[in-house]
Amino acid sequence: MRPCATPGCSKLVKRGKCERCHGKTQSVREERLTACRRGYDRTWQRFRDWFLRRHPLCHDCEGRGDVVPAAEVHHIKKLADHPELRCVESNCMALCKACHSKRTGRGE
């Protein structure tokens, strides 16, 4: 027996996820809005492309003295809480995939 594959769940299972977490994952997927409905539409894509041309390096890596190309745009104030700041340059940060994943994982 091993712990459930869901982070934070300690229920013991033979493999994979426990019944409770497996069902939770399914319902979250069903409830999730499309990217377009969450604000990542054509307007966002144009803004994102413009922003990355203007800010080509990862903000976090650059702060550590590393030169890494930016690949993603991070909202400083969460898009879900502040949709009016979706395409505002001062609310965005250019990051590489790894740094964006770290920030998102921390709930930023």
PDB file of N, CA and C in Angstrom:
ATOM      1  N   MET A   1       0.844  -1.184   0.000  1.00  0.00           N
ATOM      2  CA  MET A   1       0.000   0.000   0.000  1.00  0.00           C
ATOM      3  C   MET A   1       0.891   1.250   0.000  1.00  0.00           C
ATOM      4  N   ARG A   2       0.380   2.307  -0.649  1.00  0.00           N
ATOM      5  CA  ARG A   2       1.112   3.571  -0.715  1.00  0.00           C
ATOM      6  C   ARG A   2       0.129   4.727  -0.587  1.00  0.00           C
ATOM      7  N   PRO A   3       0.627   5.943  -0.307  1.00  0.00           N
ATOM      8  CA  PRO A   3      -0.282   7.090  -0.185  1.00  0.00           C
ATOM      9  C   PRO A   3      -0.940   7.429  -1.526  1.00  0.00           C
ATOM     10  N   CYS A   4      -2.117   7.976  -1.445  1.00  0.00           N
ATOM     11  CA  CYS A   4      -2.851   8.447  -2.622  1.00  0.00           C
ATOM     12  C   CYS A   4      -1.961   9.386  -3.432  1.00  0.00           C
ATOM     13  N   ALA A   5      -2.099   9.382  -4.750  1.00  0.00           N
ATOM     14  CA  ALA A   5      -1.271  10.210  -5.637  1.00  0.00           C
ATOM     15  C   ALA A   5      -1.633  11.685  -5.591  1.00  0.00           C
ATOM     16  N   THR A   6      -2.742  12.055  -4.958  1.00  0.00           N
ATOM     17  CA  THR A   6      -3.137  13.454  -4.851  1.00  0.00           C
ATOM     18  C   THR A   6      -2.279  14.135  -3.786  1.00  0.00           C
ATOM     19  N   PRO A   7      -1.588  15.240  -4.126  1.00  0.00           N
ATOM     20  CA  PRO A   7      -0.771  15.932  -3.126  1.00  0.00           C
ATOM     21  C   PRO A   7      -1.608  16.312  -1.906  1.00  0.00           C
ATOM     22  N   GLY A   8      -1.089  16.014  -0.727  1.00  0.00           N
ATOM     23  CA  GLY A   8      -1.771  16.351   0.510  1.00  0.00           C
ATOM     24  C   GLY A   8      -2.695  15.269   1.051  1.00  0.00           C
ATOM     25  N   CYS A   9      -3.015  14.269   0.268  1.00  0.00           N
ATOM     26  CA  CYS A   9      -3.886  13.183   0.722  1.00  0.00           C
ATOM     27  C   CYS A   9      -3.007  12.031   1.198  1.00  0.00           C
ATOM     28  N   SER A  10      -3.277  11.542   2.402  1.00  0.00           N
ATOM     29  CA  SER A  10      -2.439  10.473   2.957  1.00  0.00           C
ATOM     30  C   SER A  10      -3.155   9.128   3.014  1.00  0.00           C
ATOM     31  N   LYS A  11      -4.344   9.047   2.426  1.00  0.00           N
ATOM     32  CA  LYS A  11      -5.079   7.776   2.438  1.00  0.00           C
ATOM     33  C   LYS A  11      -4.265   6.720   1.681  1.00  0.00           C
ATOM     34  N   LEU A  12      -4.218   5.520   2.206  1.00  0.00           N
ATOM     35  CA  LEU A  12      -3.440   4.452   1.588  1.00  0.00           C
ATOM     36  C   LEU A  12      -4.260   3.731   0.517  1.00  0.00           C
ATOM     37  N   VAL A  13      -3.619   3.513  -0.629  1.00  0.00           N
ATOM     38  CA  VAL A  13      -4.261   2.838  -1.761  1.00  0.00           C
ATOM     39  C   VAL A  13      -3.263   1.864  -2.370  1.00  0.00           C
ATOM     40  N   LYS A  14      -3.772   0.952  -3.182  1.00  0.00           N
ATOM     41  CA  LYS A  14      -2.868   0.025  -3.879  1.00  0.00           C
ATOM     42  C   LYS A  14      -2.042   0.779  -4.909  1.00  0.00           C
ATOM     43  N   ARG A  15      -2.706   1.652  -5.682  1.00  0.00           N
ATOM     44  CA  ARG A  15      -1.998   2.515  -6.638  1.00  0.00           C
ATOM     45  C   ARG A  15      -2.918   3.646  -7.073  1.00  0.00           C
ATOM     46  N   GLY A  16      -2.335   4.715  -7.582  1.00  0.00           N
ATOM     47  CA  GLY A  16      -3.119   5.843  -8.078  1.00  0.00           C
ATOM     48  C   GLY A  16      -3.729   6.675  -6.965  1.00  0.00           C
ATOM     49  N   LYS A  17      -4.992   7.071  -7.175  1.00  0.00           N
ATOM     50  CA  LYS A  17      -5.695   7.940  -6.238  1.00  0.00           C
ATOM     51  C   LYS A  17      -6.780   7.183  -5.491  1.00  0.00           C
ATOM     52  N   CYS A  18      -7.113   7.687  -4.294  1.00  0.00           N
ATOM     53  CA  CYS A  18      -8.205   7.091  -3.538  1.00  0.00           C
ATOM     54  C   CYS A  18      -9.531   7.469  -4.208  1.00  0.00           C
ATOM     55  N   GLU A  19     -10.602   6.812  -3.820  1.00  0.00           N
ATOM     56  CA  GLU A  19     -11.910   7.064  -4.447  1.00  0.00           C
ATOM     57  C   GLU A  19     -12.345   8.510  -4.275  1.00  0.00           C
ATOM     58  N   ARG A  20     -12.132   9.074  -3.080  1.00  0.00           N
ATOM     59  CA  ARG A  20     -12.550  10.455  -2.830  1.00  0.00           C
ATOM     60  C   ARG A  20     -11.810  11.436  -3.753  1.00  0.00           C
ATOM     61  N   CYS A  21     -10.500  11.299  -3.864  1.00  0.00           N
ATOM     62  CA  CYS A  21      -9.704  12.211  -4.693  1.00  0.00           C
ATOM     63  C   CYS A  21      -9.956  11.983  -6.177  1.00  0.00           C
ATOM     64  N   HIS A  22     -10.161  10.751  -6.575  1.00  0.00           N
ATOM     65  CA  HIS A  22     -10.441  10.471  -7.985  1.00  0.00           C
ATOM     66  C   HIS A  22     -11.732  11.156  -8.409  1.00  0.00           C
ATOM     67  N   GLY A  23     -12.753  11.077  -7.600  1.00  0.00           N
ATOM     68  CA  GLY A  23     -14.019  11.736  -7.897  1.00  0.00           C
ATOM     69  C   GLY A  23     -13.895  13.248  -7.890  1.00  0.00           C
ATOM     70  N   LYS A  24     -13.061  13.784  -6.979  1.00  0.00           N
ATOM     71  CA  LYS A  24     -12.854  15.227  -6.878  1.00  0.00           C
ATOM     72  C   LYS A  24     -12.205  15.752  -8.156  1.00  0.00           C
ATOM     73  N   THR A  25     -11.223  15.024  -8.668  1.00  0.00           N
ATOM     74  CA  THR A  25     -10.535  15.423  -9.894  1.00  0.00           C
ATOM     75  C   THR A  25     -11.499  15.472 -11.065  1.00  0.00           C
ATOM     76  N   GLN A  26     -12.360  14.493 -11.165  1.00  0.00           N
ATOM     77  CA  GLN A  26     -13.332  14.458 -12.256  1.00  0.00           C
ATOM     78  C   GLN A  26     -14.255  15.666 -12.200  1.00  0.00           C
ATOM     79  N   SER A  27     -14.782  15.999 -11.015  1.00  0.00           N
ATOM     80  CA  SER A  27     -15.722  17.107 -10.917  1.00  0.00           C
ATOM     81  C   SER A  27     -15.045  18.446 -11.191  1.00  0.00           C
ATOM     82  N   VAL A  28     -13.777  18.598 -10.787  1.00  0.00           N
ATOM     83  CA  VAL A  28     -13.050  19.839 -11.056  1.00  0.00           C
ATOM     84  C   VAL A  28     -12.877  20.019 -12.555  1.00  0.00           C
ATOM     85  N   ARG A  29     -12.538  18.950 -13.259  1.00  0.00           N
ATOM     86  CA  ARG A  29     -12.370  19.036 -14.708  1.00  0.00           C
ATOM     87  C   ARG A  29     -13.683  19.416 -15.385  1.00  0.00           C
ATOM     88  N   GLU A  30     -14.770  18.848 -14.928  1.00  0.00           N
ATOM     89  CA  GLU A  30     -16.068  19.139 -15.537  1.00  0.00           C
ATOM     90  C   GLU A  30     -16.478  20.589 -15.308  1.00  0.00           C
ATOM     91  N   GLU A  31     -16.114  21.174 -14.157  1.00  0.00           N
ATOM     92  CA  GLU A  31     -16.506  22.533 -13.820  1.00  0.00           C
ATOM     93  C   GLU A  31     -15.587  23.588 -14.424  1.00  0.00           C
ATOM     94  N   ARG A  32     -14.395  23.235 -14.816  1.00  0.00           N
ATOM     95  CA  ARG A  32     -13.418  24.213 -15.302  1.00  0.00           C
ATOM     96  C   ARG A  32     -13.884  24.848 -16.608  1.00  0.00           C
ATOM     97  N   LEU A  33     -13.796  26.173 -16.668  1.00  0.00           N
ATOM     98  CA  LEU A  33     -14.171  26.901 -17.869  1.00  0.00           C
ATOM     99  C   LEU A  33     -13.094  26.755 -18.937  1.00  0.00           C
ATOM    100  N   THR A  34     -13.459  26.991 -20.171  1.00  0.00           N
ATOM    101  CA  THR A  34     -12.485  26.964 -21.256  1.00  0.00           C
ATOM    102  C   THR A  34     -11.517  28.137 -21.082  1.00  0.00           C
ATOM    103  N   ALA A  35     -10.382  28.060 -21.727  1.00  0.00           N
ATOM    104  CA  ALA A  35      -9.389  29.138 -21.653  1.00  0.00           C
ATOM    105  C   ALA A  35      -9.999  30.459 -22.099  1.00  0.00           C
ATOM    106  N   CYS A  36     -10.770  30.422 -23.141  1.00  0.00           N
ATOM    107  CA  CYS A  36     -11.402  31.640 -23.653  1.00  0.00           C
ATOM    108  C   CYS A  36     -12.349  32.235 -22.610  1.00  0.00           C
ATOM    109  N   ARG A  37     -13.136  31.385 -21.956  1.00  0.00           N
ATOM    110  CA  ARG A  37     -14.092  31.855 -20.946  1.00  0.00           C
ATOM    111  C   ARG A  37     -13.372  32.382 -19.697  1.00  0.00           C
ATOM    112  N   ARG A  38     -12.136  31.938 -19.461  1.00  0.00           N
ATOM    113  CA  ARG A  38     -11.361  32.428 -18.323  1.00  0.00           C
ATOM    114  C   ARG A  38     -10.618  33.711 -18.649  1.00  0.00           C
ATOM    115  N   GLY A  39     -10.738  34.229 -19.874  1.00  0.00           N
ATOM    116  CA  GLY A  39     -10.115  35.499 -20.234  1.00  0.00           C
ATOM    117  C   GLY A  39      -8.935  35.384 -21.173  1.00  0.00           C
ATOM    118  N   TYR A  40      -8.605  34.192 -21.609  1.00  0.00           N
ATOM    119  CA  TYR A  40      -7.459  34.002 -22.494  1.00  0.00           C
ATOM    120  C   TYR A  40      -7.941  33.866 -23.935  1.00  0.00           C
ATOM    121  N   ASP A  41      -8.524  34.924 -24.442  1.00  0.00           N
ATOM    122  CA  ASP A  41      -9.090  34.952 -25.789  1.00  0.00           C
ATOM    123  C   ASP A  41      -8.087  35.547 -26.779  1.00  0.00           C
ATOM    124  N   ARG A  42      -8.552  35.901 -27.961  1.00  0.00           N
ATOM    125  CA  ARG A  42      -7.678  36.443 -29.010  1.00  0.00           C
ATOM    126  C   ARG A  42      -7.033  37.760 -28.571  1.00  0.00           C
ATOM    127  N   THR A  43      -7.788  38.589 -27.862  1.00  0.00           N
ATOM    128  CA  THR A  43      -7.231  39.851 -27.361  1.00  0.00           C
ATOM    129  C   THR A  43      -6.055  39.564 -26.433  1.00  0.00           C
ATOM    130  N   TRP A  44      -6.226  38.580 -25.554  1.00  0.00           N
ATOM    131  CA  TRP A  44      -5.149  38.196 -24.646  1.00  0.00           C
ATOM    132  C   TRP A  44      -3.952  37.691 -25.427  1.00  0.00           C
ATOM    133  N   GLN A  45      -4.167  36.860 -26.436  1.00  0.00           N
ATOM    134  CA  GLN A  45      -3.059  36.303 -27.223  1.00  0.00           C
ATOM    135  C   GLN A  45      -2.248  37.424 -27.882  1.00  0.00           C
ATOM    136  N   ARG A  46      -2.932  38.427 -28.394  1.00  0.00           N
ATOM    137  CA  ARG A  46      -2.224  39.564 -29.015  1.00  0.00           C
ATOM    138  C   ARG A  46      -1.415  40.329 -27.965  1.00  0.00           C
ATOM    139  N   PHE A  47      -2.052  40.581 -26.817  1.00  0.00           N
ATOM    140  CA  PHE A  47      -1.354  41.282 -25.736  1.00  0.00           C
ATOM    141  C   PHE A  47      -0.148  40.474 -25.278  1.00  0.00           C
ATOM    142  N   ARG A  48      -0.332  39.175 -25.088  1.00  0.00           N
ATOM    143  CA  ARG A  48       0.744  38.284 -24.636  1.00  0.00           C
ATOM    144  C   ARG A  48       1.925  38.332 -25.602  1.00  0.00           C
ATOM    145  N   ASP A  49       1.652  38.226 -26.895  1.00  0.00           N
ATOM    146  CA  ASP A  49       2.717  38.274 -27.904  1.00  0.00           C
ATOM    147  C   ASP A  49       3.462  39.606 -27.840  1.00  0.00           C
ATOM    148  N   TRP A  50       2.707  40.710 -27.731  1.00  0.00           N
ATOM    149  CA  TRP A  50       3.302  42.044 -27.629  1.00  0.00           C
ATOM    150  C   TRP A  50       4.155  42.143 -26.366  1.00  0.00           C
ATOM    151  N   PHE A  51       3.635  41.673 -25.245  1.00  0.00           N
ATOM    152  CA  PHE A  51       4.317  41.758 -23.958  1.00  0.00           C
ATOM    153  C   PHE A  51       5.625  40.974 -23.985  1.00  0.00           C
ATOM    154  N   LEU A  52       5.611  39.774 -24.541  1.00  0.00           N
ATOM    155  CA  LEU A  52       6.831  38.966 -24.589  1.00  0.00           C
ATOM    156  C   LEU A  52       7.877  39.544 -25.549  1.00  0.00           C
ATOM    157  N   ARG A  53       7.436  40.228 -26.602  1.00  0.00           N
ATOM    158  CA  ARG A  53       8.401  40.912 -27.473  1.00  0.00           C
ATOM    159  C   ARG A  53       9.049  42.068 -26.712  1.00  0.00           C
ATOM    160  N   ARG A  54       8.277  42.746 -25.896  1.00  0.00           N
ATOM    161  CA  ARG A  54       8.744  43.898 -25.121  1.00  0.00           C
ATOM    162  C   ARG A  54       9.583  43.478 -23.907  1.00  0.00           C
ATOM    163  N   HIS A  55       9.294  42.307 -23.352  1.00  0.00           N
ATOM    164  CA  HIS A  55       9.989  41.774 -22.171  1.00  0.00           C
ATOM    165  C   HIS A  55      10.465  40.348 -22.490  1.00  0.00           C
ATOM    166  N   PRO A  56      11.557  40.214 -23.241  1.00  0.00           N
ATOM    167  CA  PRO A  56      11.968  38.890 -23.743  1.00  0.00           C
ATOM    168  C   PRO A  56      12.646  37.972 -22.721  1.00  0.00           C
ATOM    169  N   LEU A  57      13.058  38.504 -21.558  1.00  0.00           N
ATOM    170  CA  LEU A  57      13.774  37.676 -20.584  1.00  0.00           C
ATOM    171  C   LEU A  57      12.937  37.407 -19.340  1.00  0.00           C
ATOM    172  N   CYS A  58      13.177  36.266 -18.729  1.00  0.00           N
ATOM    173  CA  CYS A  58      12.479  35.877 -17.502  1.00  0.00           C
ATOM    174  C   CYS A  58      12.857  36.833 -16.372  1.00  0.00           C
ATOM    175  N   HIS A  59      11.875  37.431 -15.762  1.00  0.00           N
ATOM    176  CA  HIS A  59      12.072  38.387 -14.681  1.00  0.00           C
ATOM    177  C   HIS A  59      12.789  37.757 -13.484  1.00  0.00           C
ATOM    178  N   ASP A  60      12.361  36.581 -13.064  1.00  0.00           N
ATOM    179  CA  ASP A  60      12.957  35.923 -11.897  1.00  0.00           C
ATOM    180  C   ASP A  60      14.385  35.467 -12.160  1.00  0.00           C
ATOM    181  N   CYS A  61      14.625  34.865 -13.314  1.00  0.00           N
ATOM    182  CA  CYS A  61      15.981  34.407 -13.657  1.00  0.00           C
ATOM    183  C   CYS A  61      16.928  35.595 -13.785  1.00  0.00           C
ATOM    184  N   GLU A  62      16.447  36.656 -14.396  1.00  0.00           N
ATOM    185  CA  GLU A  62      17.264  37.853 -14.574  1.00  0.00           C
ATOM    186  C   GLU A  62      17.671  38.427 -13.218  1.00  0.00           C
ATOM    187  N   GLY A  63      16.767  38.353 -12.230  1.00  0.00           N
ATOM    188  CA  GLY A  63      17.064  38.823 -10.881  1.00  0.00           C
ATOM    189  C   GLY A  63      18.172  38.016 -10.219  1.00  0.00           C
ATOM    190  N   ARG A  64      18.341  36.764 -10.637  1.00  0.00           N
ATOM    191  CA  ARG A  64      19.414  35.906 -10.107  1.00  0.00           C
ATOM    192  C   ARG A  64      20.688  35.988 -10.951  1.00  0.00           C
ATOM    193  N   GLY A  65      20.660  36.814 -11.996  1.00  0.00           N
ATOM    194  CA  GLY A  65      21.830  36.960 -12.850  1.00  0.00           C
ATOM    195  C   GLY A  65      21.875  36.004 -14.022  1.00  0.00           C
ATOM    196  N   ASP A  66      20.798  35.233 -14.246  1.00  0.00           N
ATOM    197  CA  ASP A  66      20.741  34.295 -15.363  1.00  0.00           C
ATOM    198  C   ASP A  66      19.992  34.928 -16.533  1.00  0.00           C
ATOM    199  N   VAL A  67      20.378  34.553 -17.743  1.00  0.00           N
ATOM    200  CA  VAL A  67      19.702  35.046 -18.938  1.00  0.00           C
ATOM    201  C   VAL A  67      18.909  33.884 -19.534  1.00  0.00           C
ATOM    202  N   VAL A  68      17.590  33.921 -19.328  1.00  0.00           N
ATOM    203  CA  VAL A  68      16.702  32.859 -19.794  1.00  0.00           C
ATOM    204  C   VAL A  68      15.539  33.513 -20.533  1.00  0.00           C
ATOM    205  N   PRO A  69      15.203  33.039 -21.730  1.00  0.00           N
ATOM    206  CA  PRO A  69      14.084  33.635 -22.461  1.00  0.00           C
ATOM    207  C   PRO A  69      12.756  33.421 -21.726  1.00  0.00           C
ATOM    208  N   ALA A  70      11.928  34.437 -21.756  1.00  0.00           N
ATOM    209  CA  ALA A  70      10.587  34.328 -21.177  1.00  0.00           C
ATOM    210  C   ALA A  70       9.694  33.592 -22.160  1.00  0.00           C
ATOM    211  N   ALA A  71       8.802  32.765 -21.638  1.00  0.00           N
ATOM    212  CA  ALA A  71       7.885  32.012 -22.484  1.00  0.00           C
ATOM    213  C   ALA A  71       6.433  32.210 -22.064  1.00  0.00           C
ATOM    214  N   GLU A  72       6.221  32.735 -20.851  1.00  0.00           N
ATOM    215  CA  GLU A  72       4.867  32.875 -20.325  1.00  0.00           C
ATOM    216  C   GLU A  72       4.698  34.225 -19.651  1.00  0.00           C
ATOM    217  N   VAL A  73       3.449  34.657 -19.534  1.00  0.00           N
ATOM    218  CA  VAL A  73       3.131  35.925 -18.881  1.00  0.00           C
ATOM    219  C   VAL A  73       2.359  35.616 -17.605  1.00  0.00           C
ATOM    220  N   HIS A  74       2.864  36.123 -16.499  1.00  0.00           N
ATOM    221  CA  HIS A  74       2.255  35.897 -15.183  1.00  0.00           C
ATOM    222  C   HIS A  74       1.502  37.158 -14.751  1.00  0.00           C
ATOM    223  N   HIS A  75       0.278  36.970 -14.264  1.00  0.00           N
ATOM    224  CA  HIS A  75      -0.476  38.094 -13.708  1.00  0.00           C
ATOM    225  C   HIS A  75      -0.075  38.270 -12.247  1.00  0.00           C
ATOM    226  N   ILE A  76       0.371  39.464 -11.885  1.00  0.00           N
ATOM    227  CA  ILE A  76       0.784  39.744 -10.514  1.00  0.00           C
ATOM    228  C   ILE A  76      -0.438  39.690  -9.598  1.00  0.00           C
ATOM    229  N   LYS A  77      -1.480  40.415  -9.965  1.00  0.00           N
ATOM    230  CA  LYS A  77      -2.766  40.286  -9.280  1.00  0.00           C
ATOM    231  C   LYS A  77      -3.565  39.282 -10.082  1.00  0.00           C
ATOM    232  N   LYS A  78      -4.071  38.248  -9.435  1.00  0.00           N
ATOM    233  CA  LYS A  78      -4.720  37.138 -10.127  1.00  0.00           C
ATOM    234  C   LYS A  78      -5.834  37.592 -11.057  1.00  0.00           C
ATOM    235  N   LEU A  79      -5.861  36.995 -12.223  1.00  0.00           N
ATOM    236  CA  LEU A  79      -6.869  37.305 -13.228  1.00  0.00           C
ATOM    237  C   LEU A  79      -8.277  37.036 -12.705  1.00  0.00           C
ATOM    238  N   ALA A  80      -8.454  35.973 -11.932  1.00  0.00           N
ATOM    239  CA  ALA A  80      -9.771  35.633 -11.390  1.00  0.00           C
ATOM    240  C   ALA A  80     -10.287  36.730 -10.456  1.00  0.00           C
ATOM    241  N   ASP A  81      -9.381  37.385  -9.723  1.00  0.00           N
ATOM    242  CA  ASP A  81      -9.771  38.426  -8.776  1.00  0.00           C
ATOM    243  C   ASP A  81      -9.814  39.816  -9.398  1.00  0.00           C
ATOM    244  N   HIS A  82      -9.032  40.028 -10.440  1.00  0.00           N
ATOM    245  CA  HIS A  82      -8.923  41.347 -11.066  1.00  0.00           C
ATOM    246  C   HIS A  82      -8.988  41.239 -12.590  1.00  0.00           C
ATOM    247  N   PRO A  83     -10.128  40.861 -13.144  1.00  0.00           N
ATOM    248  CA  PRO A  83     -10.222  40.703 -14.605  1.00  0.00           C
ATOM    249  C   PRO A  83      -9.969  41.998 -15.368  1.00  0.00           C
ATOM    250  N   GLU A  84     -10.182  43.125 -14.717  1.00  0.00           N
ATOM    251  CA  GLU A  84      -9.959  44.417 -15.382  1.00  0.00           C
ATOM    252  C   GLU A  84      -8.475  44.674 -15.643  1.00  0.00           C
ATOM    253  N   LEU A  85      -7.581  43.922 -14.988  1.00  0.00           N
ATOM    254  CA  LEU A  85      -6.138  44.094 -15.168  1.00  0.00           C
ATOM    255  C   LEU A  85      -5.540  43.047 -16.110  1.00  0.00           C
ATOM    256  N   ARG A  86      -6.399  42.381 -16.850  1.00  0.00           N
ATOM    257  CA  ARG A  86      -5.977  41.276 -17.715  1.00  0.00           C
ATOM    258  C   ARG A  86      -4.895  41.693 -18.704  1.00  0.00           C
ATOM    259  N   CYS A  87      -5.062  42.801 -19.374  1.00  0.00           N
ATOM    260  CA  CYS A  87      -4.105  43.253 -20.397  1.00  0.00           C
ATOM    261  C   CYS A  87      -3.436  44.561 -19.988  1.00  0.00           C
ATOM    262  N   VAL A  88      -3.085  44.677 -18.715  1.00  0.00           N
ATOM    263  CA  VAL A  88      -2.390  45.858 -18.200  1.00  0.00           C
ATOM    264  C   VAL A  88      -0.928  45.478 -17.972  1.00  0.00           C
ATOM    265  N   GLU A  89      -0.047  46.165 -18.654  1.00  0.00           N
ATOM    266  CA  GLU A  89       1.376  45.821 -18.613  1.00  0.00           C
ATOM    267  C   GLU A  89       1.935  45.804 -17.194  1.00  0.00           C
ATOM    268  N   SER A  90       1.545  46.750 -16.356  1.00  0.00           N
ATOM    269  CA  SER A  90       2.095  46.827 -15.003  1.00  0.00           C
ATOM    270  C   SER A  90       1.635  45.681 -14.103  1.00  0.00           C
ATOM    271  N   ASN A  91       0.615  44.923 -14.513  1.00  0.00           N
ATOM    272  CA  ASN A  91       0.143  43.783 -13.736  1.00  0.00           C
ATOM    273  C   ASN A  91       0.710  42.463 -14.260  1.00  0.00           C
ATOM    274  N   CYS A  92       1.615  42.535 -15.212  1.00  0.00           N
ATOM    275  CA  CYS A  92       2.139  41.317 -15.827  1.00  0.00           C
ATOM    276  C   CYS A  92       3.648  41.206 -15.632  1.00  0.00           C
ATOM    277  N   MET A  93       4.116  39.979 -15.704  1.00  0.00           N
ATOM    278  CA  MET A  93       5.525  39.682 -15.523  1.00  0.00           C
ATOM    279  C   MET A  93       5.908  38.576 -16.506  1.00  0.00           C
ATOM    280  N   ALA A  94       6.987  38.784 -17.246  1.00  0.00           N
ATOM    281  CA  ALA A  94       7.475  37.777 -18.187  1.00  0.00           C
ATOM    282  C   ALA A  94       8.309  36.755 -17.418  1.00  0.00           C
ATOM    283  N   LEU A  95       7.965  35.468 -17.594  1.00  0.00           N
ATOM    284  CA  LEU A  95       8.663  34.401 -16.887  1.00  0.00           C
ATOM    285  C   LEU A  95       8.939  33.227 -17.816  1.00  0.00           C
ATOM    286  N   CYS A  96       9.953  32.440 -17.480  1.00  0.00           N
ATOM    287  CA  CYS A  96      10.168  31.175 -18.179  1.00  0.00           C
ATOM    288  C   CYS A  96       9.148  30.174 -17.630  1.00  0.00           C
ATOM    289  N   LYS A  97       9.020  29.045 -18.273  1.00  0.00           N
ATOM    290  CA  LYS A  97       8.041  28.031 -17.865  1.00  0.00           C
ATOM    291  C   LYS A  97       8.281  27.582 -16.421  1.00  0.00           C
ATOM    292  N   ALA A  98       9.530  27.316 -16.063  1.00  0.00           N
ATOM    293  CA  ALA A  98       9.856  26.822 -14.719  1.00  0.00           C
ATOM    294  C   ALA A  98       9.491  27.837 -13.644  1.00  0.00           C
ATOM    295  N   CYS A  99       9.854  29.100 -13.844  1.00  0.00           N
ATOM    296  CA  CYS A  99       9.557  30.127 -12.843  1.00  0.00           C
ATOM    297  C   CYS A  99       8.054  30.371 -12.739  1.00  0.00           C
ATOM    298  N   HIS A 100       7.345  30.329 -13.875  1.00  0.00           N
ATOM    299  CA  HIS A 100       5.897  30.518 -13.836  1.00  0.00           C
ATOM    300  C   HIS A 100       5.232  29.373 -13.079  1.00  0.00           C
ATOM    301  N   SER A 101       5.686  28.157 -13.305  1.00  0.00           N
ATOM    302  CA  SER A 101       5.139  27.010 -12.582  1.00  0.00           C
ATOM    303  C   SER A 101       5.385  27.131 -11.083  1.00  0.00           C
ATOM    304  N   LYS A 102       6.562  27.594 -10.683  1.00  0.00           N
ATOM    305  CA  LYS A 102       6.867  27.773  -9.257  1.00  0.00           C
ATOM    306  C   LYS A 102       5.927  28.797  -8.630  1.00  0.00           C
ATOM    307  N   ARG A 103       5.762  29.932  -9.298  1.00  0.00           N
ATOM    308  CA  ARG A 103       4.896  30.986  -8.756  1.00  0.00           C
ATOM    309  C   ARG A 103       3.449  30.514  -8.685  1.00  0.00           C
ATOM    310  N   THR A 104       2.981  29.858  -9.723  1.00  0.00           N
ATOM    311  CA  THR A 104       1.609  29.357  -9.738  1.00  0.00           C
ATOM    312  C   THR A 104       1.414  28.300  -8.658  1.00  0.00           C
ATOM    313  N   GLY A 105       2.397  27.449  -8.467  1.00  0.00           N
ATOM    314  CA  GLY A 105       2.331  26.425  -7.430  1.00  0.00           C
ATOM    315  C   GLY A 105       2.262  26.996  -6.029  1.00  0.00           C
ATOM    316  N   ARG A 106       2.851  28.177  -5.839  1.00  0.00           N
ATOM    317  CA  ARG A 106       2.795  28.847  -4.536  1.00  0.00           C
ATOM    318  C   ARG A 106       1.506  29.643  -4.369  1.00  0.00           C
ATOM    319  N   GLY A 107       0.679  29.674  -5.403  1.00  0.00           N
ATOM    320  CA  GLY A 107      -0.586  30.388  -5.323  1.00  0.00           C
ATOM    321  C   GLY A 107      -0.494  31.855  -5.661  1.00  0.00           C
ATOM    322  N   GLU A 108       0.592  32.260  -6.281  1.00  0.00           N
ATOM    323  CA  GLU A 108       0.759  33.664  -6.658  1.00  0.00           C
ATOM    324  C   GLU A 108      -0.024  33.988  -7.905  1.00  0.00           C
TER     325      GLU A 108
END
